Amino acid sequence: MDAVPELATGLGDPVALARVITAVVFVGIGITHFVPPVVRGMAAMVPRAFLGRPFSPVGWVWVTGVAEIAGGLGLLWEPTRAAAGIALAVFLVCVFPANAYAAQHRDRFGAFAVPFWPRLALQVLLIVLVLWVGLAG
């Protein structure tokens, strides 16, 4: 497995370091999608258009958690790295409606509700980041 040598010896390379940090962050955030208080907050962010299509709000939270964990792990293994970077970029586009919905309802979502424009900028930066660490050699 390529991930172990990269973790042990490749961290002097800025791309490898960014890749590992990005992977750890995505796996960590993905894990939080299974913590009950976080699940409740995130489930409330699911826009009405997605309710029951095809998952319940909690189901959407779990699916997105699995996607984040899989994407993060995929960045660490060279054969899946490019696909993981692209999949995470698509994922970040797909989850943005929930973030925009939360931004419109800051009084209801508190810390989950990053204002729209900063969240959009962050989302674009994250997309650039996952593509960079996923596609860079």
N, C-alpha and C. Protein backbone atom coordinates (compact mmCIF):
# COMPACT_ATOMS: atom_id res chain seq x y z
N MET A 1 0.85 -1.18 0.00
CA MET A 1 0.00 0.00 0.00
C MET A 1 0.89 1.24 0.00
N ASP A 2 0.62 2.14 -0.92
CA ASP A 2 1.45 3.34 -1.05
C ASP A 2 1.28 4.33 0.09
N ALA A 3 0.16 4.30 0.78
CA ALA A 3 -0.12 5.32 1.80
C ALA A 3 0.90 5.27 2.93
N VAL A 4 1.30 4.10 3.35
CA VAL A 4 2.22 4.01 4.48
C VAL A 4 3.58 4.61 4.14
N PRO A 5 4.20 4.27 2.99
CA PRO A 5 5.46 4.94 2.68
C PRO A 5 5.30 6.45 2.55
N GLU A 6 4.18 6.91 1.97
CA GLU A 6 3.98 8.36 1.84
C GLU A 6 3.88 8.99 3.23
N LEU A 7 3.17 8.36 4.13
CA LEU A 7 3.04 8.90 5.47
C LEU A 7 4.39 8.92 6.17
N ALA A 8 5.20 7.89 5.95
CA ALA A 8 6.47 7.78 6.65
C ALA A 8 7.56 8.64 6.05
N THR A 9 7.62 8.73 4.72
CA THR A 9 8.75 9.40 4.09
C THR A 9 8.39 10.56 3.19
N GLY A 10 7.15 10.66 2.76
CA GLY A 10 6.80 11.65 1.75
C GLY A 10 6.31 12.98 2.28
N LEU A 11 6.32 13.17 3.59
CA LEU A 11 5.73 14.39 4.12
C LEU A 11 6.62 15.61 3.94
N GLY A 12 7.85 15.42 3.43
CA GLY A 12 8.68 16.57 3.09
C GLY A 12 8.19 17.24 1.82
N ASP A 13 7.40 16.52 1.03
CA ASP A 13 6.81 17.03 -0.20
C ASP A 13 5.54 17.80 0.17
N PRO A 14 5.43 19.09 -0.23
CA PRO A 14 4.25 19.87 0.17
C PRO A 14 2.93 19.27 -0.30
N VAL A 15 2.91 18.67 -1.49
CA VAL A 15 1.67 18.07 -1.98
C VAL A 15 1.31 16.87 -1.11
N ALA A 16 2.30 16.04 -0.78
CA ALA A 16 2.04 14.86 0.05
C ALA A 16 1.55 15.29 1.43
N LEU A 17 2.15 16.31 2.00
CA LEU A 17 1.73 16.80 3.31
C LEU A 17 0.30 17.33 3.24
N ALA A 18 0.01 18.14 2.22
CA ALA A 18 -1.34 18.67 2.05
C ALA A 18 -2.34 17.54 1.84
N ARG A 19 -1.93 16.51 1.11
CA ARG A 19 -2.81 15.37 0.84
C ARG A 19 -3.15 14.64 2.15
N VAL A 20 -2.15 14.41 2.98
CA VAL A 20 -2.39 13.70 4.24
C VAL A 20 -3.28 14.54 5.16
N ILE A 21 -2.99 15.82 5.26
CA ILE A 21 -3.81 16.69 6.11
C ILE A 21 -5.24 16.73 5.59
N THR A 22 -5.40 16.87 4.29
CA THR A 22 -6.74 16.90 3.69
C THR A 22 -7.48 15.60 3.96
N ALA A 23 -6.79 14.49 3.80
CA ALA A 23 -7.40 13.18 4.05
C ALA A 23 -7.83 13.05 5.50
N VAL A 24 -6.97 13.44 6.42
CA VAL A 24 -7.30 13.35 7.85
C VAL A 24 -8.52 14.22 8.17
N VAL A 25 -8.56 15.42 7.60
CA VAL A 25 -9.69 16.31 7.85
C VAL A 25 -10.99 15.70 7.32
N PHE A 26 -10.96 15.18 6.09
CA PHE A 26 -12.19 14.60 5.53
C PHE A 26 -12.63 13.37 6.32
N VAL A 27 -11.69 12.51 6.70
CA VAL A 27 -12.05 11.34 7.49
C VAL A 27 -12.62 11.78 8.84
N GLY A 28 -11.96 12.74 9.48
CA GLY A 28 -12.44 13.23 10.77
C GLY A 28 -13.83 13.83 10.69
N ILE A 29 -14.05 14.67 9.69
CA ILE A 29 -15.37 15.28 9.52
C ILE A 29 -16.40 14.21 9.18
N GLY A 30 -16.00 13.24 8.35
CA GLY A 30 -16.91 12.14 8.02
C GLY A 30 -17.33 11.37 9.25
N ILE A 31 -16.42 11.13 10.16
CA ILE A 31 -16.74 10.41 11.40
C ILE A 31 -17.77 11.18 12.22
N THR A 32 -17.67 12.51 12.22
CA THR A 32 -18.64 13.29 13.00
C THR A 32 -20.07 13.11 12.49
N HIS A 33 -20.24 12.64 11.27
CA HIS A 33 -21.57 12.41 10.71
C HIS A 33 -22.28 11.23 11.38
N PHE A 34 -21.62 10.60 12.33
CA PHE A 34 -22.21 9.47 13.05
C PHE A 34 -22.33 9.76 14.54
N VAL A 35 -22.04 10.99 14.95
CA VAL A 35 -22.16 11.42 16.34
C VAL A 35 -23.56 12.02 16.50
N PRO A 36 -24.42 11.41 17.37
CA PRO A 36 -25.83 11.80 17.42
C PRO A 36 -26.13 13.30 17.50
N PRO A 37 -25.49 14.11 18.37
CA PRO A 37 -25.85 15.54 18.37
C PRO A 37 -25.52 16.23 17.04
N VAL A 38 -24.41 15.83 16.42
CA VAL A 38 -24.02 16.42 15.13
C VAL A 38 -24.99 15.96 14.05
N VAL A 39 -25.37 14.69 14.10
CA VAL A 39 -26.32 14.16 13.11
C VAL A 39 -27.62 14.96 13.16
N ARG A 40 -28.12 15.23 14.36
CA ARG A 40 -29.37 16.00 14.47
C ARG A 40 -29.23 17.38 13.83
N GLY A 41 -28.12 18.06 14.11
CA GLY A 41 -27.91 19.39 13.54
C GLY A 41 -27.79 19.35 12.03
N MET A 42 -27.03 18.38 11.53
CA MET A 42 -26.85 18.28 10.07
C MET A 42 -28.13 17.83 9.38
N ALA A 43 -28.88 16.93 10.00
CA ALA A 43 -30.13 16.46 9.40
C ALA A 43 -31.10 17.61 9.22
N ALA A 44 -31.09 18.55 10.14
CA ALA A 44 -31.98 19.71 10.02
C ALA A 44 -31.59 20.61 8.86
N MET A 45 -30.34 20.50 8.40
CA MET A 45 -29.86 21.33 7.29
C MET A 45 -30.25 20.79 5.92
N VAL A 46 -30.73 19.56 5.86
CA VAL A 46 -31.07 18.97 4.57
C VAL A 46 -32.25 19.75 3.97
N PRO A 47 -32.05 20.33 2.79
CA PRO A 47 -33.13 21.11 2.17
C PRO A 47 -34.37 20.24 1.91
N ARG A 48 -35.52 20.87 1.98
CA ARG A 48 -36.78 20.13 1.80
C ARG A 48 -36.84 19.36 0.49
N ALA A 49 -36.23 19.89 -0.54
CA ALA A 49 -36.28 19.22 -1.85
C ALA A 49 -35.64 17.84 -1.81
N PHE A 50 -34.78 17.59 -0.81
CA PHE A 50 -34.08 16.31 -0.71
C PHE A 50 -34.76 15.33 0.25
N LEU A 51 -35.75 15.79 0.99
CA LEU A 51 -36.37 14.94 2.00
C LEU A 51 -37.03 13.73 1.36
N GLY A 52 -36.61 12.55 1.78
CA GLY A 52 -37.17 11.31 1.27
C GLY A 52 -36.76 10.96 -0.14
N ARG A 53 -35.77 11.65 -0.68
CA ARG A 53 -35.33 11.43 -2.07
C ARG A 53 -33.86 11.08 -2.12
N PRO A 54 -33.41 9.93 -2.04
CA PRO A 54 -34.13 8.72 -1.63
C PRO A 54 -33.97 8.42 -0.15
N PHE A 55 -33.32 9.31 0.60
CA PHE A 55 -33.04 9.03 2.01
C PHE A 55 -33.77 10.00 2.93
N SER A 56 -33.88 9.59 4.18
CA SER A 56 -34.35 10.50 5.23
C SER A 56 -33.22 11.50 5.48
N PRO A 57 -33.49 12.60 6.20
CA PRO A 57 -32.41 13.53 6.52
C PRO A 57 -31.24 12.86 7.24
N VAL A 58 -31.52 11.97 8.19
CA VAL A 58 -30.43 11.26 8.87
C VAL A 58 -29.68 10.37 7.89
N GLY A 59 -30.41 9.74 6.99
CA GLY A 59 -29.78 8.92 5.96
C GLY A 59 -28.82 9.73 5.10
N TRP A 60 -29.23 10.96 4.73
CA TRP A 60 -28.35 11.84 3.96
C TRP A 60 -27.08 12.16 4.74
N VAL A 61 -27.23 12.40 6.04
CA VAL A 61 -26.05 12.70 6.87
C VAL A 61 -25.12 11.50 6.88
N TRP A 62 -25.65 10.31 7.04
CA TRP A 62 -24.81 9.11 7.07
C TRP A 62 -24.13 8.87 5.71
N VAL A 63 -24.89 9.04 4.64
CA VAL A 63 -24.32 8.84 3.29
C VAL A 63 -23.19 9.84 3.04
N THR A 64 -23.40 11.08 3.42
CA THR A 64 -22.34 12.07 3.20
C THR A 64 -21.13 11.79 4.11
N GLY A 65 -21.38 11.26 5.30
CA GLY A 65 -20.27 10.88 6.17
C GLY A 65 -19.44 9.77 5.55
N VAL A 66 -20.10 8.76 5.02
CA VAL A 66 -19.39 7.66 4.35
C VAL A 66 -18.61 8.20 3.16
N ALA A 67 -19.22 9.11 2.40
CA ALA A 67 -18.54 9.68 1.23
C ALA A 67 -17.28 10.44 1.64
N GLU A 68 -17.36 11.19 2.73
CA GLU A 68 -16.18 11.94 3.18
C GLU A 68 -15.07 11.00 3.67
N ILE A 69 -15.45 9.98 4.40
CA ILE A 69 -14.46 9.01 4.88
C ILE A 69 -13.82 8.29 3.69
N ALA A 70 -14.63 7.81 2.77
CA ALA A 70 -14.11 7.11 1.60
C ALA A 70 -13.22 8.02 0.76
N GLY A 71 -13.64 9.25 0.56
CA GLY A 71 -12.84 10.20 -0.22
C GLY A 71 -11.51 10.50 0.45
N GLY A 72 -11.54 10.72 1.75
CA GLY A 72 -10.30 10.98 2.47
C GLY A 72 -9.34 9.80 2.38
N LEU A 73 -9.85 8.60 2.61
CA LEU A 73 -8.99 7.42 2.51
C LEU A 73 -8.51 7.22 1.08
N GLY A 74 -9.38 7.49 0.13
CA GLY A 74 -9.01 7.34 -1.28
C GLY A 74 -7.86 8.24 -1.70
N LEU A 75 -7.75 9.41 -1.07
CA LEU A 75 -6.64 10.31 -1.38
C LEU A 75 -5.29 9.72 -0.98
N LEU A 76 -5.29 8.82 -0.02
CA LEU A 76 -4.03 8.27 0.50
C LEU A 76 -3.49 7.10 -0.31
N TRP A 77 -4.31 6.52 -1.14
CA TRP A 77 -3.88 5.34 -1.92
C TRP A 77 -3.75 5.74 -3.37
N GLU A 78 -2.55 5.64 -3.90
CA GLU A 78 -2.24 6.14 -5.24
C GLU A 78 -3.20 5.65 -6.33
N PRO A 79 -3.59 4.36 -6.36
CA PRO A 79 -4.50 3.94 -7.43
C PRO A 79 -5.88 4.60 -7.39
N THR A 80 -6.30 5.10 -6.24
CA THR A 80 -7.62 5.73 -6.14
C THR A 80 -7.55 7.24 -5.96
N ARG A 81 -6.35 7.77 -5.90
CA ARG A 81 -6.14 9.19 -5.56
C ARG A 81 -6.87 10.15 -6.49
N ALA A 82 -6.70 10.00 -7.78
CA ALA A 82 -7.32 10.93 -8.74
C ALA A 82 -8.84 10.83 -8.67
N ALA A 83 -9.36 9.60 -8.64
CA ALA A 83 -10.81 9.42 -8.56
C ALA A 83 -11.35 10.02 -7.27
N ALA A 84 -10.62 9.85 -6.17
CA ALA A 84 -11.06 10.40 -4.88
C ALA A 84 -11.08 11.93 -4.92
N GLY A 85 -10.05 12.53 -5.51
CA GLY A 85 -10.02 13.99 -5.62
C GLY A 85 -11.18 14.52 -6.43
N ILE A 86 -11.46 13.88 -7.56
CA ILE A 86 -12.57 14.30 -8.41
C ILE A 86 -13.90 14.06 -7.69
N ALA A 87 -14.04 12.89 -7.06
CA ALA A 87 -15.28 12.58 -6.34
C ALA A 87 -15.52 13.56 -5.20
N LEU A 88 -14.47 13.93 -4.47
CA LEU A 88 -14.64 14.89 -3.39
C LEU A 88 -15.02 16.27 -3.94
N ALA A 89 -14.48 16.65 -5.08
CA ALA A 89 -14.86 17.93 -5.69
C ALA A 89 -16.35 17.92 -6.05
N VAL A 90 -16.81 16.83 -6.65
CA VAL A 90 -18.23 16.71 -6.99
C VAL A 90 -19.07 16.70 -5.71
N PHE A 91 -18.61 15.98 -4.71
CA PHE A 91 -19.29 15.93 -3.42
C PHE A 91 -19.46 17.33 -2.83
N LEU A 92 -18.41 18.12 -2.87
CA LEU A 92 -18.46 19.48 -2.31
C LEU A 92 -19.47 20.35 -3.06
N VAL A 93 -19.60 20.14 -4.35
CA VAL A 93 -20.63 20.86 -5.11
C VAL A 93 -22.02 20.38 -4.68
N CYS A 94 -22.17 19.08 -4.52
CA CYS A 94 -23.47 18.50 -4.19
C CYS A 94 -23.97 18.87 -2.80
N VAL A 95 -23.08 19.03 -1.84
CA VAL A 95 -23.53 19.34 -0.48
C VAL A 95 -23.70 20.84 -0.26
N PHE A 96 -23.28 21.65 -1.21
CA PHE A 96 -23.39 23.09 -1.01
C PHE A 96 -24.82 23.57 -0.79
N PRO A 97 -25.84 23.01 -1.44
CA PRO A 97 -27.20 23.48 -1.15
C PRO A 97 -27.57 23.39 0.34
N ALA A 98 -27.09 22.38 1.04
CA ALA A 98 -27.38 22.29 2.48
C ALA A 98 -26.69 23.42 3.23
N ASN A 99 -25.47 23.75 2.82
CA ASN A 99 -24.76 24.85 3.46
C ASN A 99 -25.43 26.19 3.16
N ALA A 100 -25.91 26.35 1.94
CA ALA A 100 -26.61 27.58 1.57
C ALA A 100 -27.92 27.70 2.34
N TYR A 101 -28.61 26.58 2.49
CA TYR A 101 -29.85 26.56 3.26
C TYR A 101 -29.58 26.98 4.71
N ALA A 102 -28.53 26.43 5.30
CA ALA A 102 -28.18 26.79 6.68
C ALA A 102 -27.81 28.27 6.77
N ALA A 103 -27.11 28.77 5.77
CA ALA A 103 -26.72 30.18 5.78
C ALA A 103 -27.95 31.10 5.76
N GLN A 104 -29.00 30.67 5.11
CA GLN A 104 -30.24 31.46 5.05
C GLN A 104 -31.00 31.41 6.37
N HIS A 105 -30.67 30.44 7.22
CA HIS A 105 -31.39 30.24 8.48
C HIS A 105 -30.41 30.20 9.65
N ARG A 106 -29.59 31.24 9.75
CA ARG A 106 -28.55 31.28 10.78
C ARG A 106 -29.12 31.22 12.18
N ASP A 107 -30.27 31.80 12.39
CA ASP A 107 -30.88 31.78 13.72
C ASP A 107 -31.21 30.35 14.16
N ARG A 108 -31.47 29.49 13.20
CA ARG A 108 -31.85 28.11 13.50
C ARG A 108 -30.66 27.18 13.64
N PHE A 109 -29.55 27.46 12.92
CA PHE A 109 -28.45 26.50 12.85
C PHE A 109 -27.19 26.90 13.61
N GLY A 110 -27.12 28.11 14.09
CA GLY A 110 -25.98 28.53 14.91
C GLY A 110 -24.63 28.28 14.23
N ALA A 111 -23.76 27.53 14.90
CA ALA A 111 -22.39 27.29 14.42
C ALA A 111 -22.34 26.57 13.08
N PHE A 112 -23.37 25.81 12.74
CA PHE A 112 -23.39 25.11 11.46
C PHE A 112 -23.61 26.07 10.30
N ALA A 113 -24.10 27.25 10.59
CA ALA A 113 -24.52 28.19 9.55
C ALA A 113 -23.46 29.24 9.28
N VAL A 114 -22.49 28.89 8.48
CA VAL A 114 -21.48 29.87 8.05
C VAL A 114 -22.18 30.79 7.05
N PRO A 115 -21.99 32.10 7.14
CA PRO A 115 -22.62 33.01 6.17
C PRO A 115 -22.33 32.58 4.73
N PHE A 116 -23.27 32.86 3.86
CA PHE A 116 -23.24 32.36 2.48
C PHE A 116 -21.94 32.65 1.74
N TRP A 117 -21.53 33.91 1.64
CA TRP A 117 -20.38 34.25 0.80
C TRP A 117 -19.07 33.67 1.34
N PRO A 118 -18.81 33.73 2.64
CA PRO A 118 -17.60 33.05 3.13
C PRO A 118 -17.66 31.54 2.90
N ARG A 119 -18.85 30.95 3.04
CA ARG A 119 -18.98 29.51 2.82
C ARG A 119 -18.74 29.16 1.36
N LEU A 120 -19.26 29.98 0.46
CA LEU A 120 -19.04 29.75 -0.97
C LEU A 120 -17.55 29.83 -1.28
N ALA A 121 -16.87 30.85 -0.75
CA ALA A 121 -15.42 30.98 -0.98
C ALA A 121 -14.68 29.77 -0.41
N LEU A 122 -15.05 29.34 0.78
CA LEU A 122 -14.42 28.16 1.39
C LEU A 122 -14.67 26.92 0.54
N GLN A 123 -15.88 26.78 0.03
CA GLN A 123 -16.21 25.61 -0.78
C GLN A 123 -15.37 25.59 -2.06
N VAL A 124 -15.20 26.74 -2.69
CA VAL A 124 -14.36 26.82 -3.90
C VAL A 124 -12.91 26.46 -3.56
N LEU A 125 -12.41 26.99 -2.46
CA LEU A 125 -11.03 26.66 -2.04
C LEU A 125 -10.88 25.17 -1.75
N LEU A 126 -11.88 24.57 -1.11
CA LEU A 126 -11.82 23.13 -0.83
C LEU A 126 -11.84 22.32 -2.12
N ILE A 127 -12.62 22.76 -3.08
CA ILE A 127 -12.65 22.06 -4.38
C ILE A 127 -11.29 22.13 -5.05
N VAL A 128 -10.69 23.30 -5.05
CA VAL A 128 -9.35 23.45 -5.62
C VAL A 128 -8.37 22.56 -4.87
N LEU A 129 -8.46 22.54 -3.55
CA LEU A 129 -7.55 21.73 -2.73
C LEU A 129 -7.68 20.24 -3.04
N VAL A 130 -8.90 19.70 -3.06
CA VAL A 130 -9.03 18.25 -3.28
C VAL A 130 -8.62 17.88 -4.71
N LEU A 131 -8.85 18.77 -5.66
CA LEU A 131 -8.37 18.48 -7.01
C LEU A 131 -6.85 18.52 -7.07
N TRP A 132 -6.24 19.48 -6.38
CA TRP A 132 -4.78 19.59 -6.37
C TRP A 132 -4.15 18.35 -5.73
N VAL A 133 -4.60 17.99 -4.53
CA VAL A 133 -3.96 16.85 -3.85
C VAL A 133 -4.35 15.53 -4.49
N GLY A 134 -5.49 15.49 -5.19
CA GLY A 134 -5.89 14.26 -5.86
C GLY A 134 -5.23 14.06 -7.20
N LEU A 135 -4.97 15.14 -7.92
CA LEU A 135 -4.44 15.01 -9.28
C LEU A 135 -2.96 15.29 -9.42
N ALA A 136 -2.37 15.94 -8.41
CA ALA A 136 -0.93 16.24 -8.49
C ALA A 136 -0.13 14.96 -8.27
N GLY A 137 0.92 14.84 -9.03
CA GLY A 137 1.78 13.66 -8.94
C GLY A 137 2.59 13.65 -7.74
